C-alpha atoms as a PDB file:
ATOM      1  CA  MET A   1     -37.439  13.295 -66.683  1.00  0.00           C
ATOM      2  CA  ILE A   2     -34.801  15.686 -65.326  1.00  0.00           C
ATOM      3  CA  SER A   3     -31.500  15.362 -67.142  1.00  0.00           C
ATOM      4  CA  LEU A   4     -28.405  15.143 -64.982  1.00  0.00           C
ATOM      5  CA  ARG A   5     -26.134  15.735 -67.942  1.00  0.00           C
ATOM      6  CA  ARG A   6     -23.766  18.618 -67.339  1.00  0.00           C
ATOM      7  CA  THR A   7     -23.645  21.476 -69.834  1.00  0.00           C
ATOM      8  CA  PRO A   8     -20.757  20.812 -72.238  1.00  0.00           C
ATOM      9  CA  ASN A   9     -17.552  22.659 -71.467  1.00  0.00           C
ATOM     10  CA  VAL A  10     -16.677  25.577 -73.695  1.00  0.00           C
ATOM     11  CA  PHE A  11     -13.059  26.583 -73.222  1.00  0.00           C
ATOM     12  CA  GLY A  12     -11.462  29.379 -75.228  1.00  0.00           C
ATOM     13  CA  TYR A  13      -7.726  29.910 -75.628  1.00  0.00           C
ATOM     14  CA  GLY A  14      -6.236  33.353 -76.173  1.00  0.00           C
ATOM     15  CA  ILE A  15      -3.039  35.269 -75.583  1.00  0.00           C
ATOM     16  CA  SER A  16      -2.105  38.704 -74.296  1.00  0.00           C
ATOM     17  CA  ILE A  17       0.041  40.437 -76.882  1.00  0.00           C
ATOM     18  CA  ALA A  18       2.111  41.764 -73.963  1.00  0.00           C
ATOM     19  CA  SER A  19       3.598  38.260 -73.769  1.00  0.00           C
ATOM     20  CA  LEU A  20       5.126  38.903 -77.200  1.00  0.00           C
ATOM     21  CA  LEU A  21       7.046  42.027 -76.224  1.00  0.00           C
ATOM     22  CA  PRO A  22       9.187  43.615 -77.558  1.00  0.00           C
ATOM     23  CA  TYR A  23       7.902  42.262 -80.893  1.00  0.00           C
ATOM     24  CA  ALA A  24       4.341  43.386 -80.034  1.00  0.00           C
ATOM     25  CA  MET A  25       5.238  47.079 -80.072  1.00  0.00           C
ATOM     26  CA  ARG A  26       6.664  49.564 -82.535  1.00  0.00           C
ATOM     27  CA  THR A  27       8.482  52.838 -81.890  1.00  0.00           C
ATOM     28  CA  ALA A  28      11.038  54.993 -83.628  1.00  0.00           C
ATOM     29  CA  LEU A  29      13.686  53.296 -81.489  1.00  0.00           C
ATOM     30  CA  TRP A  30      12.378  49.773 -82.118  1.00  0.00           C
ATOM     31  CA  ALA A  31      11.292  49.141 -85.683  1.00  0.00           C
ATOM     32  CA  HIS A  32      11.580  45.334 -85.550  1.00  0.00           C
ATOM     33  CA  GLY A  33       8.076  44.629 -84.299  1.00  0.00           C
ATOM     34  CA  SER A  34       4.476  45.707 -84.509  1.00  0.00           C
ATOM     35  CA  PRO A  35       1.268  44.871 -82.639  1.00  0.00           C
ATOM     36  CA  MET A  36      -0.299  43.528 -85.834  1.00  0.00           C
ATOM     37  CA  MET A  37       2.659  41.263 -86.554  1.00  0.00           C
ATOM     38  CA  ALA A  38       2.443  39.787 -83.055  1.00  0.00           C
ATOM     39  CA  ALA A  39      -1.292  39.224 -83.509  1.00  0.00           C
ATOM     40  CA  LYS A  40      -0.658  37.358 -86.759  1.00  0.00           C
ATOM     41  CA  TRP A  41       1.897  35.182 -84.973  1.00  0.00           C
ATOM     42  CA  ALA A  42      -0.794  34.324 -82.419  1.00  0.00           C
ATOM     43  CA  GLN A  43      -3.232  33.432 -85.179  1.00  0.00           C
ATOM     44  CA  LYS A  44      -0.655  31.210 -86.865  1.00  0.00           C
ATOM     45  CA  ALA A  45       0.103  29.473 -83.548  1.00  0.00           C
ATOM     46  CA  GLY A  46      -3.560  28.513 -83.150  1.00  0.00           C
ATOM     47  CA  TYR A  47      -4.805  30.993 -80.555  1.00  0.00           C
ATOM     48  CA  GLU A  48      -8.483  31.900 -80.845  1.00  0.00           C
ATOM     49  CA  PHE A  49      -8.552  35.455 -79.500  1.00  0.00           C
ATOM     50  CA  LEU A  50      -6.423  38.290 -78.180  1.00  0.00           C
ATOM     51  CA  GLN A  51      -6.058  40.380 -75.063  1.00  0.00           C
ATOM     52  CA  VAL A  52      -4.717  43.821 -75.966  1.00  0.00           C
ATOM     53  CA  LEU A  53      -3.048  46.678 -74.085  1.00  0.00           C
ATOM     54  CA  PRO A  54      -2.211  50.254 -75.193  1.00  0.00           C
ATOM     55  CA  LEU A  55       1.371  49.327 -76.082  1.00  0.00           C
ATOM     56  CA  ARG A  56       3.511  51.637 -78.165  1.00  0.00           C
ATOM     57  CA  GLY A  57       2.231  51.362 -81.722  1.00  0.00           C
ATOM     58  CA  VAL A  58      -1.332  50.417 -80.754  1.00  0.00           C
ATOM     59  CA  THR A  59      -3.930  52.969 -81.844  1.00  0.00           C
ATOM     60  CA  GLY A  60      -7.200  51.276 -80.872  1.00  0.00           C
ATOM     61  CA  ARG A  61      -8.385  51.357 -84.481  1.00  0.00           C
ATOM     62  CA  GLU A  62      -6.628  48.203 -85.717  1.00  0.00           C
ATOM     63  CA  ASN A  63      -8.337  45.556 -87.809  1.00  0.00           C
ATOM     64  CA  TRP A  64      -7.006  42.658 -85.741  1.00  0.00           C
ATOM     65  CA  PRO A  65      -6.682  39.218 -87.376  1.00  0.00           C
ATOM     66  CA  LEU A  66      -8.242  37.601 -84.295  1.00  0.00           C
ATOM     67  CA  PRO A  67     -11.159  38.724 -82.106  1.00  0.00           C
ATOM     68  CA  VAL A  68     -10.144  40.921 -79.175  1.00  0.00           C
ATOM     69  CA  LYS A  69     -12.071  39.570 -76.201  1.00  0.00           C
ATOM     70  CA  TYR A  70     -10.326  41.539 -73.458  1.00  0.00           C
ATOM     71  CA  HIS A  71      -8.300  44.673 -72.991  1.00  0.00           C
ATOM     72  CA  GLU A  72      -6.375  46.083 -70.053  1.00  0.00           C
ATOM     73  CA  GLY A  73      -4.759  49.373 -69.181  1.00  0.00           C
ATOM     74  CA  ALA A  74      -1.038  50.019 -69.331  1.00  0.00           C
ATOM     75  CA  TRP A  75       0.946  48.472 -66.507  1.00  0.00           C
ATOM     76  CA  ASN A  76       2.140  51.723 -64.937  1.00  0.00           C
ATOM     77  CA  PRO A  77       2.736  54.343 -67.647  1.00  0.00           C
ATOM     78  CA  VAL A  78       5.004  57.339 -67.208  1.00  0.00           C
ATOM     79  CA  ASN A  79       5.456  60.653 -69.014  1.00  0.00           C
ATOM     80  CA  GLY A  80       9.185  60.348 -69.640  1.00  0.00           C
ATOM     81  CA  LEU A  81      12.247  58.164 -69.219  1.00  0.00           C
ATOM     82  CA  LEU A  82      13.556  60.248 -66.315  1.00  0.00           C
ATOM     83  CA  GLN A  83      10.414  59.446 -64.341  1.00  0.00           C
ATOM     84  CA  GLY A  84      11.061  55.733 -64.795  1.00  0.00           C
ATOM     85  CA  LEU A  85      14.766  56.016 -63.970  1.00  0.00           C
ATOM     86  CA  ARG A  86      13.884  57.795 -60.726  1.00  0.00           C
ATOM     87  CA  HIS A  87      11.195  55.170 -59.930  1.00  0.00           C
ATOM     88  CA  GLN A  88       8.639  57.923 -59.438  1.00  0.00           C
ATOM     89  CA  ILE A  89       4.951  57.068 -59.146  1.00  0.00           C
ATOM     90  CA  GLY A  90       3.431  56.142 -62.492  1.00  0.00           C
ATOM     91  CA  GLY A  91      -0.070  56.283 -63.881  1.00  0.00           C
ATOM     92  CA  GLU A  92      -1.239  53.282 -61.867  1.00  0.00           C
ATOM     93  CA  GLY A  93       0.063  54.630 -58.570  1.00  0.00           C
ATOM     94  CA  MET A  94       3.123  52.393 -58.280  1.00  0.00           C
ATOM     95  CA  PRO A  95       6.855  53.180 -58.418  1.00  0.00           C
ATOM     96  CA  SER A  96       7.806  53.122 -62.086  1.00  0.00           C
ATOM     97  CA  THR A  97      10.731  51.618 -63.986  1.00  0.00           C
ATOM     98  CA  PRO A  98      12.319  52.267 -67.403  1.00  0.00           C
ATOM     99  CA  ILE A  99      10.261  49.308 -68.682  1.00  0.00           C
ATOM    100  CA  ASP A 100       7.082  51.359 -68.133  1.00  0.00           C
ATOM    101  CA  TRP A 101       8.518  54.034 -70.413  1.00  0.00           C
ATOM    102  CA  ALA A 102       9.851  51.597 -73.013  1.00  0.00           C
ATOM    103  CA  PHE A 103       6.641  49.612 -73.558  1.00  0.00           C
ATOM    104  CA  PHE A 104       3.933  52.266 -73.206  1.00  0.00           C
ATOM    105  CA  PRO A 105       3.327  55.841 -74.428  1.00  0.00           C
ATOM    106  CA  LYS A 106       2.584  58.738 -72.096  1.00  0.00           C
ATOM    107  CA  ILE A 107      -0.213  58.429 -69.549  1.00  0.00           C
ATOM    108  CA  ALA A 108      -2.783  60.522 -71.430  1.00  0.00           C
ATOM    109  CA  GLU A 109      -2.132  58.619 -74.667  1.00  0.00           C
ATOM    110  CA  CYS A 110      -2.543  55.291 -72.869  1.00  0.00           C
ATOM    111  CA  ARG A 111      -5.915  56.418 -71.510  1.00  0.00           C
ATOM    112  CA  LYS A 112      -7.005  57.598 -74.967  1.00  0.00           C
ATOM    113  CA  VAL A 113      -6.034  54.353 -76.710  1.00  0.00           C
ATOM    114  CA  GLU A 114      -7.482  52.154 -73.973  1.00  0.00           C
ATOM    115  CA  ALA A 115     -10.869  53.829 -74.417  1.00  0.00           C
ATOM    116  CA  LEU A 116     -10.818  52.839 -78.103  1.00  0.00           C
ATOM    117  CA  LEU A 117      -9.757  49.224 -77.654  1.00  0.00           C
ATOM    118  CA  PRO A 118     -12.319  46.536 -78.453  1.00  0.00           C
ATOM    119  CA  GLY A 119     -13.165  43.739 -76.061  1.00  0.00           C
ATOM    120  CA  GLU A 120     -14.214  43.719 -72.434  1.00  0.00           C
ATOM    121  CA  ASN A 121     -12.225  45.780 -69.972  1.00  0.00           C
ATOM    122  CA  ILE A 122     -10.470  43.899 -67.173  1.00  0.00           C
ATOM    123  CA  SER A 123     -10.425  46.046 -64.051  1.00  0.00           C
ATOM    124  CA  HIS A 124      -8.376  45.708 -60.875  1.00  0.00           C
ATOM    125  CA  HIS A 125     -11.237  47.115 -58.822  1.00  0.00           C
ATOM    126  CA  LEU A 126     -14.644  45.630 -58.070  1.00  0.00           C
ATOM    127  CA  ALA A 127     -17.503  47.232 -59.970  1.00  0.00           C
ATOM    128  CA  ALA A 128     -21.090  46.207 -60.624  1.00  0.00           C
ATOM    129  CA  ASN A 129     -21.447  44.175 -63.823  1.00  0.00           C
ATOM    130  CA  GLY A 130     -17.697  44.466 -64.355  1.00  0.00           C
ATOM    131  CA  LEU A 131     -14.875  42.025 -64.965  1.00  0.00           C
ATOM    132  CA  TYR A 132     -12.541  42.082 -61.962  1.00  0.00           C
ATOM    133  CA  GLU A 133      -9.061  40.572 -61.759  1.00  0.00           C
ATOM    134  CA  VAL A 134      -8.643  39.190 -58.255  1.00  0.00           C
ATOM    135  CA  ASN A 135      -5.519  40.467 -56.490  1.00  0.00           C
ATOM    136  CA  PRO A 136      -4.308  40.534 -52.879  1.00  0.00           C
ATOM    137  CA  ASP A 137      -3.673  44.296 -52.881  1.00  0.00           C
ATOM    138  CA  ASP A 138      -7.394  45.045 -52.514  1.00  0.00           C
ATOM    139  CA  ARG A 139      -7.444  43.095 -49.230  1.00  0.00           C
ATOM    140  CA  LEU A 140     -10.791  41.505 -49.960  1.00  0.00           C
ATOM    141  CA  ALA A 141     -11.678  38.076 -48.639  1.00  0.00           C
ATOM    142  CA  ALA A 142     -12.840  35.457 -51.140  1.00  0.00           C
ATOM    143  CA  ASN A 143     -16.283  35.309 -49.499  1.00  0.00           C
ATOM    144  CA  THR A 144     -16.615  39.099 -49.767  1.00  0.00           C
ATOM    145  CA  ILE A 145     -15.735  39.025 -53.471  1.00  0.00           C
ATOM    146  CA  ALA A 146     -18.139  36.132 -54.097  1.00  0.00           C
ATOM    147  CA  ARG A 147     -21.025  37.914 -52.355  1.00  0.00           C
ATOM    148  CA  TYR A 148     -20.393  41.055 -54.372  1.00  0.00           C
ATOM    149  CA  CYS A 149     -20.369  39.070 -57.611  1.00  0.00           C
ATOM    150  CA  ARG A 150     -23.625  37.378 -56.664  1.00  0.00           C
ATOM    151  CA  ASP A 151     -25.360  40.632 -55.744  1.00  0.00           C
ATOM    152  CA  GLU A 152     -23.882  43.000 -58.346  1.00  0.00           C
ATOM    153  CA  GLY A 153     -23.351  40.809 -61.409  1.00  0.00           C
ATOM    154  CA  CYS A 154     -19.571  41.068 -61.347  1.00  0.00           C
ATOM    155  CA  ARG A 155     -17.484  38.354 -63.021  1.00  0.00           C
ATOM    156  CA  LEU A 156     -13.896  37.407 -62.242  1.00  0.00           C
ATOM    157  CA  VAL A 157     -10.500  36.890 -63.799  1.00  0.00           C
ATOM    158  CA  ILE A 158      -8.163  34.604 -61.872  1.00  0.00           C
ATOM    159  CA  ASP A 159      -4.454  35.210 -62.465  1.00  0.00           C
ATOM    160  CA  THR A 160      -2.296  32.237 -61.516  1.00  0.00           C
ATOM    161  CA  GLU A 161       0.514  34.547 -60.374  1.00  0.00           C
ATOM    162  CA  HIS A 162      -1.397  37.433 -58.802  1.00  0.00           C
ATOM    163  CA  LEU A 163      -3.573  35.101 -56.758  1.00  0.00           C
ATOM    164  CA  LEU A 164      -0.485  33.685 -55.023  1.00  0.00           C
ATOM    165  CA  ARG A 165       1.797  36.719 -54.747  1.00  0.00           C
ATOM    166  CA  ALA A 166       2.283  38.909 -51.679  1.00  0.00           C
ATOM    167  CA  ASP A 167       0.233  42.005 -50.920  1.00  0.00           C
ATOM    168  CA  ARG A 168       2.220  44.924 -52.365  1.00  0.00           C
ATOM    169  CA  ASN A 169       0.830  47.274 -49.728  1.00  0.00           C
ATOM    170  CA  ALA A 170       1.792  45.221 -46.683  1.00  0.00           C
ATOM    171  CA  ALA A 171       5.130  44.704 -44.970  1.00  0.00           C
ATOM    172  CA  GLU A 172       4.110  41.096 -44.404  1.00  0.00           C
ATOM    173  CA  ASP A 173       1.851  38.957 -46.547  1.00  0.00           C
ATOM    174  CA  SER A 174      -1.282  39.171 -44.450  1.00  0.00           C
ATOM    175  CA  SER A 175      -3.718  39.079 -47.364  1.00  0.00           C
ATOM    176  CA  VAL A 176      -7.251  38.093 -46.425  1.00  0.00           C
ATOM    177  CA  LEU A 177      -7.218  35.917 -49.544  1.00  0.00           C
ATOM    178  CA  GLY A 178      -5.059  33.634 -47.434  1.00  0.00           C
ATOM    179  CA  ALA A 179      -1.703  33.745 -45.696  1.00  0.00           C
ATOM    180  CA  THR A 180      -0.509  30.482 -47.270  1.00  0.00           C
ATOM    181  CA  ARG A 181      -0.549  29.055 -50.777  1.00  0.00           C
ATOM    182  CA  THR A 182      -2.942  26.358 -49.606  1.00  0.00           C
ATOM    183  CA  GLU A 183      -5.437  28.962 -48.380  1.00  0.00           C
ATOM    184  CA  ARG A 184      -5.137  30.860 -51.661  1.00  0.00           C
ATOM    185  CA  HIS A 185      -5.788  27.638 -53.574  1.00  0.00           C
ATOM    186  CA  GLU A 186      -8.896  26.996 -51.479  1.00  0.00           C
ATOM    187  CA  ALA A 187     -10.135  30.531 -52.237  1.00  0.00           C
ATOM    188  CA  VAL A 188     -10.476  29.487 -55.886  1.00  0.00           C
ATOM    189  CA  LYS A 189     -13.291  27.115 -54.930  1.00  0.00           C
ATOM    190  CA  VAL A 190     -15.218  29.995 -53.335  1.00  0.00           C
ATOM    191  CA  LEU A 191     -14.731  32.224 -56.367  1.00  0.00           C
ATOM    192  CA  ALA A 192     -15.338  29.482 -58.963  1.00  0.00           C
ATOM    193  CA  PRO A 193     -19.020  30.269 -59.789  1.00  0.00           C
ATOM    194  CA  TYR A 194     -18.078  33.738 -61.032  1.00  0.00           C
ATOM    195  CA  VAL A 195     -14.869  33.059 -62.971  1.00  0.00           C
ATOM    196  CA  ALA A 196     -15.013  34.085 -66.622  1.00  0.00           C
ATOM    197  CA  ALA A 197     -11.323  33.915 -67.499  1.00  0.00           C
ATOM    198  CA  VAL A 198      -7.970  32.699 -66.221  1.00  0.00           C
ATOM    199  CA  HIS A 199      -4.655  34.426 -66.865  1.00  0.00           C
ATOM    200  CA  VAL A 200      -2.146  31.606 -67.148  1.00  0.00           C
ATOM    201  CA  LYS A 201       1.362  32.720 -66.247  1.00  0.00           C
ATOM    202  CA  SER A 202       2.955  29.269 -66.286  1.00  0.00           C
ATOM    203  CA  VAL A 203       2.087  25.794 -67.533  1.00  0.00           C
ATOM    204  CA  THR A 204       4.795  24.055 -65.492  1.00  0.00           C
ATOM    205  CA  ASP A 205       4.428  25.641 -62.042  1.00  0.00           C
ATOM    206  CA  SER A 206       2.580  23.405 -59.584  1.00  0.00           C
ATOM    207  CA  GLY A 207       0.687  26.398 -58.189  1.00  0.00           C
ATOM    208  CA  SER A 208      -0.843  27.131 -61.580  1.00  0.00           C
ATOM    209  CA  HIS A 209      -1.900  23.510 -61.959  1.00  0.00           C
ATOM    210  CA  THR A 210      -3.541  23.495 -58.526  1.00  0.00           C
ATOM    211  CA  ILE A 211      -5.470  26.693 -59.283  1.00  0.00           C
ATOM    212  CA  VAL A 212      -6.779  25.278 -62.566  1.00  0.00           C
ATOM    213  CA  GLU A 213      -7.583  21.944 -60.931  1.00  0.00           C
ATOM    214  CA  ASN A 214      -9.515  23.557 -58.055  1.00  0.00           C
ATOM    215  CA  LEU A 215     -11.416  25.780 -60.480  1.00  0.00           C
ATOM    216  CA  LEU A 216     -12.381  23.082 -62.949  1.00  0.00           C
ATOM    217  CA  SER A 217     -13.274  20.541 -60.266  1.00  0.00           C
ATOM    218  CA  ALA A 218     -15.760  22.936 -58.627  1.00  0.00           C
ATOM    219  CA  ALA A 219     -19.277  21.658 -59.301  1.00  0.00           C
ATOM    220  CA  ASN A 220     -20.711  25.179 -59.546  1.00  0.00           C
ATOM    221  CA  ARG A 221     -18.146  26.720 -61.877  1.00  0.00           C
ATOM    222  CA  PRO A 222     -19.274  28.022 -65.296  1.00  0.00           C
ATOM    223  CA  ALA A 223     -19.181  25.681 -68.266  1.00  0.00           C
ATOM    224  CA  GLU A 224     -17.632  28.461 -70.355  1.00  0.00           C
ATOM    225  CA  ILE A 225     -14.221  29.760 -69.267  1.00  0.00           C
ATOM    226  CA  ASN A 226     -11.509  31.468 -71.306  1.00  0.00           C
ATOM    227  CA  PHE A 227      -7.833  30.765 -70.683  1.00  0.00           C
ATOM    228  CA  VAL A 228      -5.402  33.531 -71.613  1.00  0.00           C
ATOM    229  CA  ALA A 229      -1.671  32.970 -72.005  1.00  0.00           C
ATOM    230  CA  GLU A 230      -0.114  35.873 -70.126  1.00  0.00           C
ATOM    231  CA  TYR A 231       3.424  34.733 -69.552  1.00  0.00           C
ATOM    232  CA  LYS A 232       6.410  37.040 -69.165  1.00  0.00           C
ATOM    233  CA  PRO A 233       8.026  37.917 -72.501  1.00  0.00           C
ATOM    234  CA  LYS A 234      10.731  35.504 -73.627  1.00  0.00           C
ATOM    235  CA  LEU A 235      13.651  37.286 -75.257  1.00  0.00           C
ATOM    236  CA  GLY A 236      14.896  35.603 -78.395  1.00  0.00           C
ATOM    237  CA  THR A 237      14.722  35.543 -82.145  1.00  0.00           C
ATOM    238  CA  PRO A 238      11.307  35.873 -83.819  1.00  0.00           C
ATOM    239  CA  SER A 239      11.425  32.154 -84.565  1.00  0.00           C
ATOM    240  CA  ALA A 240      12.151  31.248 -80.940  1.00  0.00           C
ATOM    241  CA  VAL A 241       9.371  33.534 -79.682  1.00  0.00           C
ATOM    242  CA  GLN A 242       6.866  31.925 -82.034  1.00  0.00           C
ATOM    243  CA  ASP A 243       7.995  28.424 -81.080  1.00  0.00           C
ATOM    244  CA  HIS A 244       7.518  29.217 -77.395  1.00  0.00           C
ATOM    245  CA  MET A 245       4.094  30.706 -78.078  1.00  0.00           C
ATOM    246  CA  ALA A 246       2.952  27.499 -79.795  1.00  0.00           C
ATOM    247  CA  TRP A 247       4.509  25.330 -77.063  1.00  0.00           C
ATOM    248  CA  PHE A 248       2.707  27.314 -74.361  1.00  0.00           C
ATOM    249  CA  LEU A 249      -0.658  26.941 -76.086  1.00  0.00           C
ATOM    250  CA  ALA A 250      -0.263  23.183 -76.470  1.00  0.00           C
ATOM    251  CA  ASN A 251       0.639  22.763 -72.817  1.00  0.00           C
ATOM    252  CA  MET A 252      -2.079  25.137 -71.615  1.00  0.00           C
ATOM    253  CA  LYS A 253      -4.662  23.039 -73.445  1.00  0.00           C
ATOM    254  CA  MET A 254      -3.266  19.837 -71.951  1.00  0.00           C
ATOM    255  CA  MET A 255      -3.408  21.337 -68.454  1.00  0.00           C
ATOM    256  CA  VAL A 256      -7.030  22.391 -68.867  1.00  0.00           C
ATOM    257  CA  GLU A 257      -8.110  19.093 -70.436  1.00  0.00           C
ATOM    258  CA  ARG A 258      -6.370  17.184 -67.672  1.00  0.00           C
ATOM    259  CA  TYR A 259      -8.573  18.712 -64.967  1.00  0.00           C
ATOM    260  CA  ALA A 260     -11.809  19.364 -66.869  1.00  0.00           C
END
């Protein structure tokens, strides 16, 4: 007899240590934090794994207290504060800001550390057998991305903010992912079979809930999906930062369980 029972869901819950900035970095000018301290906070809060970037203070040789499942490159590193103040083009080809200088070392150092980081690399460009974070800047239709994943073994990361934001390279938001939020939400259903992870920027925004709902309600989506807290850093005392981290995890789990 053929069983119609669905494979049990396996959901993992991690956090990007970039969400714990500035406490997730350490420099001569900021001695109040460290990447390892932030990772231990995540462990204490109940997260299961980490996503790591080449922040200041990260060497790539750390003995992390939690598994590192994913790593990313620096946001847009620069080679000096003046470059950021002048908003000159940074290492990722975008106009830079002083934040790019404050959080990350020089471009060459970022590249060196990133190559040493454990975990799977999340790329912003499609590549065979890679892990690609969907974004409107690449101007790729959902069907095009899905076909590539099917043919080339690529898997996807859905970011609840990047999926809905405007195309940075266009004067008007004419992204082929969809010109409206509704069309972007529908694109999730097309991409669902290939989604390996979700970057969760908010647990209260209705757009994030709709993305998670459309993904988890898709009959052909994977049974195993990782959810990564990747919210913008919340300035505050160490205690307040840790409280928010735990609150976010609890609400992220409730959101996922609600739609699973």
